[in-house]
Amino acid sequence: MCQIFAGQSPSNYSFETRSVRLMGHPTSVRLEAKFWVILEQLAVEQDMPMAKFLSALYEEAAEIHGEVSNFASLLRCCCINFLDPSFDHVQLAREARDTRAKLEDVAAE
């Protein structure tokens, strides 16, 4: 019944822990390996290194919600949203372009 899911490589769902710096604080994030692959695609689409992408995402979520109570779950949901057929990839590209422009303005000052 579920061979396509049950038969997948265990490497997809093995945990991988990565060290990151969020808002200046070193921490680690533990996710299944497959989520890291998707997050790498997201970072590329945002034209950012993974560390910068994770930091920016954390900071924006904290700004919007006041806190980020479960960053690993936020990352998993980002991956699910990104893979959803109704996801607005055009808006994602627009936001990436706007963010790059803001960063370039700050760097020029």
N, C-alpha and C. Protein backbone atom coordinates (compact mmCIF):
# COMPACT_ATOMS: atom_id res chain seq x y z
N MET A 1 0.82 -1.20 0.00
CA MET A 1 0.00 0.00 0.00
C MET A 1 0.86 1.26 0.00
N CYS A 2 1.87 1.32 0.80
CA CYS A 2 2.69 2.54 0.93
C CYS A 2 4.13 2.30 0.54
N GLN A 3 4.38 1.40 -0.41
CA GLN A 3 5.75 1.06 -0.80
C GLN A 3 6.57 2.27 -1.22
N ILE A 4 5.92 3.19 -1.93
CA ILE A 4 6.66 4.35 -2.42
C ILE A 4 7.18 5.21 -1.27
N PHE A 5 6.45 5.23 -0.15
CA PHE A 5 6.90 5.98 1.02
C PHE A 5 7.77 5.12 1.93
N ALA A 6 7.29 3.91 2.23
CA ALA A 6 8.00 3.03 3.15
C ALA A 6 9.34 2.58 2.58
N GLY A 7 9.43 2.49 1.27
CA GLY A 7 10.64 2.00 0.64
C GLY A 7 11.71 3.04 0.38
N GLN A 8 11.45 4.29 0.77
CA GLN A 8 12.45 5.32 0.50
C GLN A 8 13.72 5.09 1.31
N SER A 9 14.76 5.69 0.87
CA SER A 9 16.06 5.55 1.53
C SER A 9 16.00 6.14 2.94
N PRO A 10 16.49 5.41 3.93
CA PRO A 10 16.55 5.95 5.30
C PRO A 10 17.37 7.24 5.39
N SER A 11 18.24 7.47 4.41
CA SER A 11 19.03 8.71 4.44
C SER A 11 18.13 9.94 4.30
N ASN A 12 16.94 9.79 3.70
CA ASN A 12 16.02 10.92 3.58
C ASN A 12 15.51 11.40 4.94
N TYR A 13 15.29 10.45 5.85
CA TYR A 13 14.68 10.83 7.12
C TYR A 13 15.63 10.69 8.31
N SER A 14 16.89 10.46 8.03
CA SER A 14 17.87 10.48 9.12
C SER A 14 18.07 11.93 9.55
N PHE A 15 18.31 12.13 10.83
CA PHE A 15 18.49 13.48 11.34
C PHE A 15 19.87 14.02 10.99
N GLU A 16 19.90 15.30 10.71
CA GLU A 16 21.14 16.01 10.45
C GLU A 16 21.09 17.30 11.27
N THR A 17 22.09 17.52 12.07
CA THR A 17 22.16 18.71 12.90
C THR A 17 23.18 19.67 12.31
N ARG A 18 22.77 20.92 12.17
CA ARG A 18 23.68 21.94 11.64
C ARG A 18 23.80 23.07 12.64
N SER A 19 24.98 23.58 12.77
CA SER A 19 25.22 24.74 13.63
C SER A 19 24.92 26.00 12.84
N VAL A 20 24.18 26.91 13.45
CA VAL A 20 23.83 28.17 12.81
C VAL A 20 23.94 29.30 13.83
N ARG A 21 23.99 30.50 13.33
CA ARG A 21 24.02 31.68 14.19
C ARG A 21 22.74 32.45 13.90
N LEU A 22 21.89 32.57 14.92
CA LEU A 22 20.61 33.28 14.77
C LEU A 22 20.61 34.51 15.67
N MET A 23 20.50 35.66 15.05
CA MET A 23 20.52 36.93 15.76
C MET A 23 21.75 37.03 16.68
N GLY A 24 22.88 36.57 16.13
CA GLY A 24 24.15 36.68 16.85
C GLY A 24 24.42 35.57 17.85
N HIS A 25 23.50 34.65 18.01
CA HIS A 25 23.68 33.58 18.99
C HIS A 25 23.91 32.24 18.28
N PRO A 26 24.97 31.53 18.65
CA PRO A 26 25.19 30.21 18.04
C PRO A 26 24.17 29.21 18.59
N THR A 27 23.65 28.39 17.71
CA THR A 27 22.71 27.35 18.10
C THR A 27 22.80 26.23 17.08
N SER A 28 22.03 25.21 17.26
CA SER A 28 21.99 24.13 16.28
C SER A 28 20.54 23.82 15.94
N VAL A 29 20.35 23.34 14.72
CA VAL A 29 19.03 22.98 14.23
C VAL A 29 19.11 21.55 13.74
N ARG A 30 18.16 20.74 14.21
CA ARG A 30 18.13 19.32 13.85
C ARG A 30 16.90 19.05 12.99
N LEU A 31 17.14 18.65 11.76
CA LEU A 31 16.07 18.34 10.81
C LEU A 31 16.41 17.05 10.07
N GLU A 32 15.40 16.46 9.48
CA GLU A 32 15.62 15.33 8.61
C GLU A 32 16.40 15.81 7.39
N ALA A 33 17.27 14.95 6.87
CA ALA A 33 18.16 15.33 5.77
C ALA A 33 17.40 15.87 4.56
N LYS A 34 16.26 15.32 4.24
CA LYS A 34 15.50 15.77 3.07
C LYS A 34 15.08 17.23 3.21
N PHE A 35 14.77 17.67 4.44
CA PHE A 35 14.40 19.08 4.63
C PHE A 35 15.58 19.99 4.35
N TRP A 36 16.80 19.55 4.69
CA TRP A 36 17.98 20.38 4.41
C TRP A 36 18.17 20.56 2.91
N VAL A 37 17.86 19.53 2.14
CA VAL A 37 17.97 19.62 0.68
C VAL A 37 17.01 20.69 0.15
N ILE A 38 15.79 20.68 0.65
CA ILE A 38 14.79 21.66 0.21
C ILE A 38 15.18 23.06 0.67
N LEU A 39 15.67 23.19 1.90
CA LEU A 39 16.10 24.50 2.40
C LEU A 39 17.26 25.06 1.57
N GLU A 40 18.13 24.19 1.11
CA GLU A 40 19.21 24.64 0.23
C GLU A 40 18.66 25.21 -1.07
N GLN A 41 17.61 24.58 -1.61
CA GLN A 41 16.95 25.11 -2.81
C GLN A 41 16.33 26.48 -2.52
N LEU A 42 15.69 26.60 -1.37
CA LEU A 42 15.10 27.89 -0.98
C LEU A 42 16.16 28.98 -0.87
N ALA A 43 17.28 28.65 -0.24
CA ALA A 43 18.36 29.63 -0.09
C ALA A 43 18.88 30.06 -1.45
N VAL A 44 19.02 29.12 -2.37
CA VAL A 44 19.47 29.45 -3.73
C VAL A 44 18.48 30.38 -4.40
N GLU A 45 17.18 30.09 -4.26
CA GLU A 45 16.16 30.95 -4.86
C GLU A 45 16.19 32.36 -4.26
N GLN A 46 16.63 32.47 -3.02
CA GLN A 46 16.74 33.77 -2.37
C GLN A 46 18.10 34.41 -2.63
N ASP A 47 18.96 33.70 -3.37
CA ASP A 47 20.30 34.17 -3.69
C ASP A 47 21.09 34.48 -2.43
N MET A 48 20.99 33.56 -1.46
CA MET A 48 21.68 33.73 -0.19
C MET A 48 22.39 32.44 0.20
N PRO A 49 23.50 32.57 0.90
CA PRO A 49 24.08 31.36 1.50
C PRO A 49 23.09 30.83 2.56
N MET A 50 23.15 29.55 2.84
CA MET A 50 22.22 28.94 3.78
C MET A 50 22.20 29.66 5.13
N ALA A 51 23.36 29.98 5.67
CA ALA A 51 23.42 30.63 6.98
C ALA A 51 22.69 31.96 6.97
N LYS A 52 22.90 32.74 5.94
CA LYS A 52 22.24 34.05 5.84
C LYS A 52 20.73 33.87 5.66
N PHE A 53 20.32 32.89 4.85
CA PHE A 53 18.90 32.63 4.64
C PHE A 53 18.23 32.26 5.96
N LEU A 54 18.83 31.35 6.72
CA LEU A 54 18.23 30.93 7.99
C LEU A 54 18.14 32.08 8.97
N SER A 55 19.18 32.88 9.02
CA SER A 55 19.20 34.02 9.92
C SER A 55 18.14 35.05 9.54
N ALA A 56 18.03 35.34 8.25
CA ALA A 56 17.04 36.30 7.78
C ALA A 56 15.62 35.80 8.05
N LEU A 57 15.39 34.52 7.81
CA LEU A 57 14.07 33.94 8.06
C LEU A 57 13.71 34.03 9.54
N TYR A 58 14.66 33.69 10.40
CA TYR A 58 14.43 33.76 11.84
C TYR A 58 14.11 35.19 12.27
N GLU A 59 14.91 36.14 11.80
CA GLU A 59 14.71 37.53 12.18
C GLU A 59 13.37 38.07 11.70
N GLU A 60 12.98 37.72 10.47
CA GLU A 60 11.69 38.18 9.95
C GLU A 60 10.53 37.56 10.72
N ALA A 61 10.63 36.27 11.04
CA ALA A 61 9.57 35.61 11.81
C ALA A 61 9.47 36.22 13.21
N ALA A 62 10.60 36.52 13.82
CA ALA A 62 10.59 37.14 15.15
C ALA A 62 9.98 38.54 15.09
N GLU A 63 10.28 39.26 14.01
CA GLU A 63 9.72 40.60 13.84
C GLU A 63 8.20 40.55 13.67
N ILE A 64 7.73 39.58 12.90
CA ILE A 64 6.30 39.46 12.63
C ILE A 64 5.53 38.94 13.84
N HIS A 65 6.08 37.90 14.51
CA HIS A 65 5.35 37.21 15.57
C HIS A 65 5.84 37.52 16.98
N GLY A 66 6.93 38.25 17.09
CA GLY A 66 7.45 38.59 18.41
C GLY A 66 8.41 37.55 18.96
N GLU A 67 8.28 36.32 18.54
CA GLU A 67 9.18 35.25 18.95
C GLU A 67 9.06 34.10 17.96
N VAL A 68 10.04 33.23 18.01
CA VAL A 68 10.00 32.02 17.20
C VAL A 68 10.14 30.86 18.18
N SER A 69 9.02 30.26 18.51
CA SER A 69 9.03 29.25 19.57
C SER A 69 9.57 27.90 19.10
N ASN A 70 9.47 27.59 17.82
CA ASN A 70 9.97 26.31 17.33
C ASN A 70 10.50 26.50 15.91
N PHE A 71 11.75 26.90 15.82
CA PHE A 71 12.34 27.23 14.53
C PHE A 71 12.41 26.01 13.60
N ALA A 72 12.71 24.84 14.14
CA ALA A 72 12.78 23.64 13.30
C ALA A 72 11.42 23.35 12.65
N SER A 73 10.35 23.53 13.39
CA SER A 73 9.02 23.32 12.81
C SER A 73 8.70 24.38 11.77
N LEU A 74 9.12 25.62 12.02
CA LEU A 74 8.93 26.68 11.03
C LEU A 74 9.64 26.29 9.73
N LEU A 75 10.86 25.78 9.85
CA LEU A 75 11.61 25.38 8.65
C LEU A 75 10.92 24.25 7.91
N ARG A 76 10.41 23.27 8.63
CA ARG A 76 9.69 22.17 7.97
C ARG A 76 8.47 22.69 7.22
N CYS A 77 7.73 23.59 7.86
CA CYS A 77 6.54 24.15 7.21
C CYS A 77 6.91 25.00 6.00
N CYS A 78 8.03 25.71 6.06
CA CYS A 78 8.50 26.46 4.89
C CYS A 78 8.73 25.50 3.72
N CYS A 79 9.34 24.36 4.01
CA CYS A 79 9.60 23.37 2.95
C CYS A 79 8.30 22.85 2.36
N ILE A 80 7.33 22.54 3.22
CA ILE A 80 6.04 22.04 2.74
C ILE A 80 5.35 23.10 1.89
N ASN A 81 5.36 24.33 2.35
CA ASN A 81 4.75 25.41 1.57
C ASN A 81 5.44 25.57 0.23
N PHE A 82 6.76 25.52 0.22
CA PHE A 82 7.54 25.67 -1.01
C PHE A 82 7.18 24.60 -2.04
N LEU A 83 6.91 23.39 -1.57
CA LEU A 83 6.58 22.28 -2.46
C LEU A 83 5.10 22.23 -2.85
N ASP A 84 4.26 23.00 -2.17
CA ASP A 84 2.83 23.02 -2.47
C ASP A 84 2.62 23.57 -3.88
N PRO A 85 1.82 22.89 -4.69
CA PRO A 85 1.60 23.37 -6.08
C PRO A 85 1.02 24.78 -6.15
N SER A 86 0.34 25.22 -5.12
CA SER A 86 -0.26 26.56 -5.16
C SER A 86 0.69 27.65 -4.64
N PHE A 87 1.92 27.26 -4.27
CA PHE A 87 2.87 28.23 -3.74
C PHE A 87 3.20 29.28 -4.79
N ASP A 88 3.30 30.53 -4.36
CA ASP A 88 3.55 31.65 -5.27
C ASP A 88 5.06 31.88 -5.42
N HIS A 89 5.66 31.19 -6.37
CA HIS A 89 7.10 31.32 -6.61
C HIS A 89 7.45 32.69 -7.19
N VAL A 90 6.52 33.34 -7.85
CA VAL A 90 6.75 34.68 -8.39
C VAL A 90 6.92 35.66 -7.23
N GLN A 91 6.06 35.55 -6.22
CA GLN A 91 6.18 36.43 -5.06
C GLN A 91 7.50 36.18 -4.33
N LEU A 92 7.90 34.91 -4.22
CA LEU A 92 9.17 34.59 -3.58
C LEU A 92 10.32 35.27 -4.31
N ALA A 93 10.32 35.21 -5.62
CA ALA A 93 11.37 35.86 -6.42
C ALA A 93 11.34 37.37 -6.23
N ARG A 94 10.14 37.95 -6.18
CA ARG A 94 9.99 39.40 -5.99
C ARG A 94 10.55 39.80 -4.62
N GLU A 95 10.22 39.04 -3.58
CA GLU A 95 10.72 39.35 -2.25
C GLU A 95 12.24 39.21 -2.18
N ALA A 96 12.78 38.23 -2.86
CA ALA A 96 14.24 38.06 -2.90
C ALA A 96 14.89 39.27 -3.56
N ARG A 97 14.31 39.72 -4.66
CA ARG A 97 14.84 40.89 -5.38
C ARG A 97 14.77 42.13 -4.49
N ASP A 98 13.65 42.32 -3.78
CA ASP A 98 13.51 43.47 -2.90
C ASP A 98 14.51 43.43 -1.75
N THR A 99 14.73 42.24 -1.20
CA THR A 99 15.69 42.09 -0.10
C THR A 99 17.10 42.40 -0.58
N ARG A 100 17.47 41.91 -1.76
CA ARG A 100 18.80 42.21 -2.30
C ARG A 100 18.97 43.71 -2.50
N ALA A 101 17.93 44.38 -2.99
CA ALA A 101 18.01 45.83 -3.21
C ALA A 101 18.21 46.56 -1.89
N LYS A 102 17.50 46.14 -0.85
CA LYS A 102 17.65 46.77 0.48
C LYS A 102 19.06 46.56 1.01
N LEU A 103 19.58 45.35 0.86
CA LEU A 103 20.93 45.07 1.33
C LEU A 103 21.97 45.88 0.58
N GLU A 104 21.77 46.04 -0.71
CA GLU A 104 22.70 46.85 -1.51
C GLU A 104 22.64 48.32 -1.09
N ASP A 105 21.46 48.82 -0.77
CA ASP A 105 21.31 50.20 -0.30
C ASP A 105 22.04 50.40 1.02
N VAL A 106 21.89 49.45 1.94
CA VAL A 106 22.55 49.54 3.23
C VAL A 106 24.06 49.49 3.06
N ALA A 107 24.54 48.62 2.18
CA ALA A 107 25.98 48.50 1.94
C ALA A 107 26.55 49.76 1.32
N ALA A 108 25.75 50.46 0.53
CA ALA A 108 26.22 51.67 -0.15
C ALA A 108 26.31 52.87 0.80
N GLU A 109 25.62 52.80 1.91
CA GLU A 109 25.62 53.93 2.85
C GLU A 109 26.91 54.06 3.61
